[in-house]
Amino acid sequence: MRGTSAGQNLTIHEWAGLWNRGERYRVGERVLLFLYSPSRLGLTSPVAGPIGRFAIKDAGEILLTPLHIHLLATDPILGGKTIAPYADFSLAVQRSSREE
């Protein structure tokens, strides 16, 4: 959505404690992350932990966890969905960022 281009490699420097808590990534895993701006040490993490991390299906659809579903229940675009087309997800994020 912002910050990277398709096919671009992105290196994320996270606090080692996140790895120990089980917040890990696998080679080839497709995720959409909302990241905090890097700290003075260059470290970042997903916004609100697991809330800022979304798995992406092979078809490019965004998977919503039960926590995401609960938090987005009143969203007119994403409310009640377990899988959202990327275009719908992007539209909901853009709309939300304009409202802030």
C-alpha atoms as a PDB file:
ATOM      1  CA  MET A   1       0.000   0.000   0.000  1.00  0.00           C
ATOM      2  CA  ARG A   2       2.778   2.355   1.011  1.00  0.00           C
ATOM      3  CA  GLY A   3       6.475   2.043   1.586  1.00  0.00           C
ATOM      4  CA  THR A   4       7.395  -0.832  -0.749  1.00  0.00           C
ATOM      5  CA  SER A   5       6.870  -1.961  -4.312  1.00  0.00           C
ATOM      6  CA  ALA A   6       5.888  -5.398  -5.582  1.00  0.00           C
ATOM      7  CA  GLY A   7       8.904  -7.681  -5.723  1.00  0.00           C
ATOM      8  CA  GLN A   8      11.017  -5.437  -3.519  1.00  0.00           C
ATOM      9  CA  ASN A   9      13.008  -7.031  -0.698  1.00  0.00           C
ATOM     10  CA  LEU A  10      12.316  -5.491   2.674  1.00  0.00           C
ATOM     11  CA  THR A  11      14.482  -6.016   5.736  1.00  0.00           C
ATOM     12  CA  ILE A  12      12.790  -5.469   9.071  1.00  0.00           C
ATOM     13  CA  HIS A  13      14.821  -5.099  12.241  1.00  0.00           C
ATOM     14  CA  GLU A  14      12.777  -6.186  15.248  1.00  0.00           C
ATOM     15  CA  TRP A  15      13.459  -6.534  18.933  1.00  0.00           C
ATOM     16  CA  ALA A  16      14.676 -10.103  19.592  1.00  0.00           C
ATOM     17  CA  GLY A  17      11.990 -10.538  22.260  1.00  0.00           C
ATOM     18  CA  LEU A  18       9.321 -10.670  19.544  1.00  0.00           C
ATOM     19  CA  TRP A  19      10.980 -13.773  18.095  1.00  0.00           C
ATOM     20  CA  ASN A  20      11.034 -15.393  21.527  1.00  0.00           C
ATOM     21  CA  ARG A  21       7.301 -14.653  21.995  1.00  0.00           C
ATOM     22  CA  GLY A  22       6.535 -16.559  18.801  1.00  0.00           C
ATOM     23  CA  GLU A  23       6.009 -13.668  16.385  1.00  0.00           C
ATOM     24  CA  ARG A  24       8.027 -15.227  13.584  1.00  0.00           C
ATOM     25  CA  TYR A  25       8.137 -15.162   9.805  1.00  0.00           C
ATOM     26  CA  ARG A  26       8.872 -17.993   7.375  1.00  0.00           C
ATOM     27  CA  VAL A  27      10.693 -17.786   4.065  1.00  0.00           C
ATOM     28  CA  GLY A  28       8.082 -17.415   1.330  1.00  0.00           C
ATOM     29  CA  GLU A  29       5.349 -16.366   3.737  1.00  0.00           C
ATOM     30  CA  ARG A  30       3.166 -13.610   2.342  1.00  0.00           C
ATOM     31  CA  VAL A  31       2.062 -11.022   4.880  1.00  0.00           C
ATOM     32  CA  LEU A  32       0.785  -7.490   4.915  1.00  0.00           C
ATOM     33  CA  LEU A  33       2.260  -5.592   7.859  1.00  0.00           C
ATOM     34  CA  PHE A  34       1.416  -2.286   9.445  1.00  0.00           C
ATOM     35  CA  LEU A  35       4.714  -1.274  11.027  1.00  0.00           C
ATOM     36  CA  TYR A  36       5.665   1.401  13.511  1.00  0.00           C
ATOM     37  CA  SER A  37       8.216   3.919  12.276  1.00  0.00           C
ATOM     38  CA  PRO A  38      11.729   2.717  13.087  1.00  0.00           C
ATOM     39  CA  SER A  39      13.035   3.704  16.528  1.00  0.00           C
ATOM     40  CA  ARG A  40      16.318   5.519  17.110  1.00  0.00           C
ATOM     41  CA  LEU A  41      17.946   2.073  17.086  1.00  0.00           C
ATOM     42  CA  GLY A  42      16.327   1.232  13.743  1.00  0.00           C
ATOM     43  CA  LEU A  43      13.920  -1.307  15.256  1.00  0.00           C
ATOM     44  CA  THR A  44      10.260  -1.685  14.353  1.00  0.00           C
ATOM     45  CA  SER A  45       7.371  -4.074  14.961  1.00  0.00           C
ATOM     46  CA  PRO A  46       3.819  -4.603  13.733  1.00  0.00           C
ATOM     47  CA  VAL A  47       1.374  -2.031  15.065  1.00  0.00           C
ATOM     48  CA  ALA A  48      -0.483  -3.516  18.056  1.00  0.00           C
ATOM     49  CA  GLY A  49       1.336  -6.840  17.654  1.00  0.00           C
ATOM     50  CA  PRO A  50      -0.811  -9.433  15.882  1.00  0.00           C
ATOM     51  CA  ILE A  51      -3.421  -6.830  14.955  1.00  0.00           C
ATOM     52  CA  GLY A  52      -0.959  -5.236  12.522  1.00  0.00           C
ATOM     53  CA  ARG A  53      -0.179  -8.511  10.743  1.00  0.00           C
ATOM     54  CA  PHE A  54      -2.353 -10.004   7.992  1.00  0.00           C
ATOM     55  CA  ALA A  55      -1.711 -13.212   6.063  1.00  0.00           C
ATOM     56  CA  ILE A  56      -2.136 -13.066   2.299  1.00  0.00           C
ATOM     57  CA  LYS A  57      -3.553 -16.014   0.338  1.00  0.00           C
ATOM     58  CA  ASP A  58      -2.029 -17.087  -2.969  1.00  0.00           C
ATOM     59  CA  ALA A  59      -4.835 -15.297  -4.813  1.00  0.00           C
ATOM     60  CA  GLY A  60      -3.840 -12.034  -3.097  1.00  0.00           C
ATOM     61  CA  GLU A  61      -6.755 -12.069  -0.694  1.00  0.00           C
ATOM     62  CA  ILE A  62      -6.268 -10.848   2.867  1.00  0.00           C
ATOM     63  CA  LEU A  63      -7.093 -13.341   5.627  1.00  0.00           C
ATOM     64  CA  LEU A  64      -8.748 -11.868   8.692  1.00  0.00           C
ATOM     65  CA  THR A  65      -8.202 -13.584  12.034  1.00  0.00           C
ATOM     66  CA  PRO A  66     -10.989 -13.792  14.632  1.00  0.00           C
ATOM     67  CA  LEU A  67      -9.364 -10.791  16.358  1.00  0.00           C
ATOM     68  CA  HIS A  68      -9.392  -8.771  13.116  1.00  0.00           C
ATOM     69  CA  ILE A  69     -13.013  -9.777  12.479  1.00  0.00           C
ATOM     70  CA  HIS A  70     -14.008  -8.596  15.949  1.00  0.00           C
ATOM     71  CA  LEU A  71     -12.165  -5.271  15.635  1.00  0.00           C
ATOM     72  CA  LEU A  72     -13.504  -4.602  12.130  1.00  0.00           C
ATOM     73  CA  ALA A  73     -17.088  -5.736  12.801  1.00  0.00           C
ATOM     74  CA  THR A  74     -18.576  -2.279  12.192  1.00  0.00           C
ATOM     75  CA  ASP A  75     -16.480  -1.463   9.118  1.00  0.00           C
ATOM     76  CA  PRO A  76     -18.845  -1.041   6.141  1.00  0.00           C
ATOM     77  CA  ILE A  77     -16.404  -2.767   3.766  1.00  0.00           C
ATOM     78  CA  LEU A  78     -14.681  -5.422   5.899  1.00  0.00           C
ATOM     79  CA  GLY A  79     -17.253  -6.046   8.633  1.00  0.00           C
ATOM     80  CA  GLY A  80     -18.019  -9.737   9.042  1.00  0.00           C
ATOM     81  CA  LYS A  81     -15.613 -10.948   6.362  1.00  0.00           C
ATOM     82  CA  THR A  82     -13.043 -13.669   7.004  1.00  0.00           C
ATOM     83  CA  ILE A  83     -11.339 -13.126   3.646  1.00  0.00           C
ATOM     84  CA  ALA A  84     -11.159  -9.776   1.871  1.00  0.00           C
ATOM     85  CA  PRO A  85     -10.091  -9.067  -1.690  1.00  0.00           C
ATOM     86  CA  TYR A  86      -7.000  -6.855  -1.660  1.00  0.00           C
ATOM     87  CA  ALA A  87      -8.919  -4.048  -3.396  1.00  0.00           C
ATOM     88  CA  ASP A  88     -11.591  -3.993  -0.651  1.00  0.00           C
ATOM     89  CA  PHE A  89      -8.956  -4.122   2.097  1.00  0.00           C
ATOM     90  CA  SER A  90      -6.973  -1.295   0.500  1.00  0.00           C
ATOM     91  CA  LEU A  91     -10.118   0.814   0.101  1.00  0.00           C
ATOM     92  CA  ALA A  92     -11.046   0.299   3.758  1.00  0.00           C
ATOM     93  CA  VAL A  93      -7.535   1.309   4.899  1.00  0.00           C
ATOM     94  CA  GLN A  94      -7.533   4.407   2.675  1.00  0.00           C
ATOM     95  CA  ARG A  95     -10.971   5.423   3.917  1.00  0.00           C
ATOM     96  CA  SER A  96      -9.914   4.890   7.516  1.00  0.00           C
ATOM     97  CA  SER A  97      -6.722   6.950   7.136  1.00  0.00           C
ATOM     98  CA  ARG A  98      -8.728   9.873   5.689  1.00  0.00           C
ATOM     99  CA  GLU A  99     -11.068   9.798   8.695  1.00  0.00           C
ATOM    100  CA  GLU A 100      -8.247  10.210  11.223  1.00  0.00           C
END
